[in-house]
């Protein structure tokens, strides 16, 4: 399928790693992204309607955190959904710390 979009020629072309996706985890990943975007947009509306600058900043900060953590969670759920032909493991501590950037 990729040969429709990319030129893969010659014997030095890299071979694609075979893998499968878990449909339930892919669906959960999409739902996580949609839900976090919805919450962020709702908080943006609340920020626009807020009577004080402090409440406006709080709503914008909460919305930014919602979207950021939602995209982070969606990414890792998607990574768990992809099953490679080899065993893959993730360190919980480092994975939890990766939400900081």
C-alpha atoms as a PDB file:
ATOM      1  CA  UNK A   1       0.000   0.000   0.000  1.00  0.00           C
ATOM      2  CA  UNK A   2       2.827   2.436   0.757  1.00  0.00           C
ATOM      3  CA  UNK A   3       4.206   1.985  -2.746  1.00  0.00           C
ATOM      4  CA  UNK A   4       1.292   4.106  -3.984  1.00  0.00           C
ATOM      5  CA  UNK A   5       2.630   7.117  -2.069  1.00  0.00           C
ATOM      6  CA  UNK A   6       6.412   6.536  -1.807  1.00  0.00           C
ATOM      7  CA  UNK A   7       9.168   5.452  -4.144  1.00  0.00           C
ATOM      8  CA  UNK A   8      10.717   2.338  -2.629  1.00  0.00           C
ATOM      9  CA  UNK A   9      13.302   0.999  -5.019  1.00  0.00           C
ATOM     10  CA  UNK A  10      16.301  -1.267  -5.066  1.00  0.00           C
ATOM     11  CA  UNK A  11      17.699  -3.896  -2.725  1.00  0.00           C
ATOM     12  CA  UNK A  12      18.810  -1.292  -0.158  1.00  0.00           C
ATOM     13  CA  UNK A  13      15.272  -0.160   0.576  1.00  0.00           C
ATOM     14  CA  UNK A  14      14.386  -0.731   4.231  1.00  0.00           C
ATOM     15  CA  UNK A  15      11.912  -3.494   4.897  1.00  0.00           C
ATOM     16  CA  UNK A  16       8.777  -2.579   6.801  1.00  0.00           C
ATOM     17  CA  UNK A  17       8.364  -4.125  10.225  1.00  0.00           C
ATOM     18  CA  UNK A  18       5.215  -6.228  10.309  1.00  0.00           C
ATOM     19  CA  UNK A  19       2.748  -5.433  13.039  1.00  0.00           C
ATOM     20  CA  UNK A  20      -0.919  -5.340  13.895  1.00  0.00           C
ATOM     21  CA  UNK A  21      -3.210  -2.941  15.719  1.00  0.00           C
ATOM     22  CA  UNK A  22      -5.623  -3.765  18.522  1.00  0.00           C
ATOM     23  CA  UNK A  23      -8.876  -2.193  17.317  1.00  0.00           C
ATOM     24  CA  UNK A  24     -10.231  -1.638  20.839  1.00  0.00           C
ATOM     25  CA  UNK A  25      -7.143   0.310  21.918  1.00  0.00           C
ATOM     26  CA  UNK A  26      -7.145   2.338  18.697  1.00  0.00           C
ATOM     27  CA  UNK A  27     -10.769   3.245  19.376  1.00  0.00           C
ATOM     28  CA  UNK A  28      -9.937   4.169  22.961  1.00  0.00           C
ATOM     29  CA  UNK A  29      -7.096   6.340  21.685  1.00  0.00           C
ATOM     30  CA  UNK A  30      -9.423   8.202  19.327  1.00  0.00           C
ATOM     31  CA  UNK A  31     -12.058   8.635  22.040  1.00  0.00           C
ATOM     32  CA  UNK A  32      -9.414   9.990  24.413  1.00  0.00           C
ATOM     33  CA  UNK A  33      -8.325  12.582  21.842  1.00  0.00           C
ATOM     34  CA  UNK A  34     -11.905  13.622  21.060  1.00  0.00           C
ATOM     35  CA  UNK A  35     -12.892  13.862  24.723  1.00  0.00           C
ATOM     36  CA  UNK A  36      -9.849  15.912  25.720  1.00  0.00           C
ATOM     37  CA  UNK A  37     -10.381  18.294  22.780  1.00  0.00           C
ATOM     38  CA  UNK A  38     -14.056  18.675  23.733  1.00  0.00           C
ATOM     39  CA  UNK A  39     -13.169  19.499  27.345  1.00  0.00           C
ATOM     40  CA  UNK A  40     -10.495  21.975  26.223  1.00  0.00           C
ATOM     41  CA  UNK A  41     -12.966  23.744  23.931  1.00  0.00           C
ATOM     42  CA  UNK A  42     -15.592  23.880  26.682  1.00  0.00           C
ATOM     43  CA  UNK A  43     -13.042  25.447  29.022  1.00  0.00           C
ATOM     44  CA  UNK A  44     -12.105  27.968  26.323  1.00  0.00           C
ATOM     45  CA  UNK A  45     -15.762  29.021  26.129  1.00  0.00           C
ATOM     46  CA  UNK A  46     -15.852  29.327  29.936  1.00  0.00           C
ATOM     47  CA  UNK A  47     -12.708  31.456  29.791  1.00  0.00           C
ATOM     48  CA  UNK A  48     -14.335  33.837  27.325  1.00  0.00           C
ATOM     49  CA  UNK A  49     -17.385  34.164  29.576  1.00  0.00           C
ATOM     50  CA  UNK A  50     -15.481  34.501  32.861  1.00  0.00           C
ATOM     51  CA  UNK A  51     -16.037  37.733  34.773  1.00  0.00           C
ATOM     52  CA  UNK A  52     -12.528  38.086  36.239  1.00  0.00           C
ATOM     53  CA  UNK A  53      -9.033  37.736  34.766  1.00  0.00           C
ATOM     54  CA  UNK A  54      -8.097  35.156  37.419  1.00  0.00           C
ATOM     55  CA  UNK A  55     -10.963  32.852  36.454  1.00  0.00           C
ATOM     56  CA  UNK A  56     -10.122  33.384  32.780  1.00  0.00           C
ATOM     57  CA  UNK A  57      -6.499  32.312  33.337  1.00  0.00           C
ATOM     58  CA  UNK A  58      -7.602  29.336  35.416  1.00  0.00           C
ATOM     59  CA  UNK A  59      -9.984  28.131  32.699  1.00  0.00           C
ATOM     60  CA  UNK A  60      -7.354  28.579  29.976  1.00  0.00           C
ATOM     61  CA  UNK A  61      -4.744  26.740  32.064  1.00  0.00           C
ATOM     62  CA  UNK A  62      -7.137  23.880  32.768  1.00  0.00           C
ATOM     63  CA  UNK A  63      -8.033  23.677  29.080  1.00  0.00           C
ATOM     64  CA  UNK A  64      -4.393  23.618  28.037  1.00  0.00           C
ATOM     65  CA  UNK A  65      -3.647  20.880  30.556  1.00  0.00           C
ATOM     66  CA  UNK A  66      -6.663  18.899  29.403  1.00  0.00           C
ATOM     67  CA  UNK A  67      -5.604  19.018  25.774  1.00  0.00           C
ATOM     68  CA  UNK A  68      -1.924  18.372  26.516  1.00  0.00           C
ATOM     69  CA  UNK A  69      -2.501  15.407  28.799  1.00  0.00           C
ATOM     70  CA  UNK A  70      -5.182  14.082  26.441  1.00  0.00           C
ATOM     71  CA  UNK A  71      -2.820  14.106  23.463  1.00  0.00           C
ATOM     72  CA  UNK A  72      -0.102  12.516  25.616  1.00  0.00           C
ATOM     73  CA  UNK A  73      -2.484   9.757  26.741  1.00  0.00           C
ATOM     74  CA  UNK A  74      -3.773   9.232  23.191  1.00  0.00           C
ATOM     75  CA  UNK A  75      -0.207   8.795  21.962  1.00  0.00           C
ATOM     76  CA  UNK A  76       0.674   6.152  24.536  1.00  0.00           C
ATOM     77  CA  UNK A  77      -2.598   4.284  24.112  1.00  0.00           C
ATOM     78  CA  UNK A  78      -1.839   4.225  20.392  1.00  0.00           C
ATOM     79  CA  UNK A  79       1.631   2.880  21.116  1.00  0.00           C
ATOM     80  CA  UNK A  80       0.113   0.106  23.220  1.00  0.00           C
ATOM     81  CA  UNK A  81      -2.338  -0.651  20.402  1.00  0.00           C
ATOM     82  CA  UNK A  82       0.477  -1.450  17.949  1.00  0.00           C
ATOM     83  CA  UNK A  83       1.704  -5.017  18.377  1.00  0.00           C
ATOM     84  CA  UNK A  84       5.158  -5.578  16.924  1.00  0.00           C
ATOM     85  CA  UNK A  85       6.674  -8.897  16.012  1.00  0.00           C
ATOM     86  CA  UNK A  86       8.852  -8.611  19.129  1.00  0.00           C
ATOM     87  CA  UNK A  87       8.256  -7.971  22.803  1.00  0.00           C
ATOM     88  CA  UNK A  88       8.101  -4.294  23.799  1.00  0.00           C
ATOM     89  CA  UNK A  89       7.960  -2.959  27.348  1.00  0.00           C
ATOM     90  CA  UNK A  90       7.656   0.540  28.788  1.00  0.00           C
ATOM     91  CA  UNK A  91       9.090   1.785  32.061  1.00  0.00           C
ATOM     92  CA  UNK A  92       6.223   3.242  34.086  1.00  0.00           C
ATOM     93  CA  UNK A  93       8.338   5.907  35.800  1.00  0.00           C
ATOM     94  CA  UNK A  94       9.905   7.289  32.645  1.00  0.00           C
ATOM     95  CA  UNK A  95       6.579   7.114  30.828  1.00  0.00           C
ATOM     96  CA  UNK A  96       4.893   9.074  33.638  1.00  0.00           C
ATOM     97  CA  UNK A  97       7.685  11.653  33.592  1.00  0.00           C
ATOM     98  CA  UNK A  98       7.285  12.115  29.836  1.00  0.00           C
ATOM     99  CA  UNK A  99       4.061  14.053  30.441  1.00  0.00           C
ATOM    100  CA  UNK A 100       6.100  16.982  31.781  1.00  0.00           C
ATOM    101  CA  UNK A 101       7.440  18.349  28.466  1.00  0.00           C
END
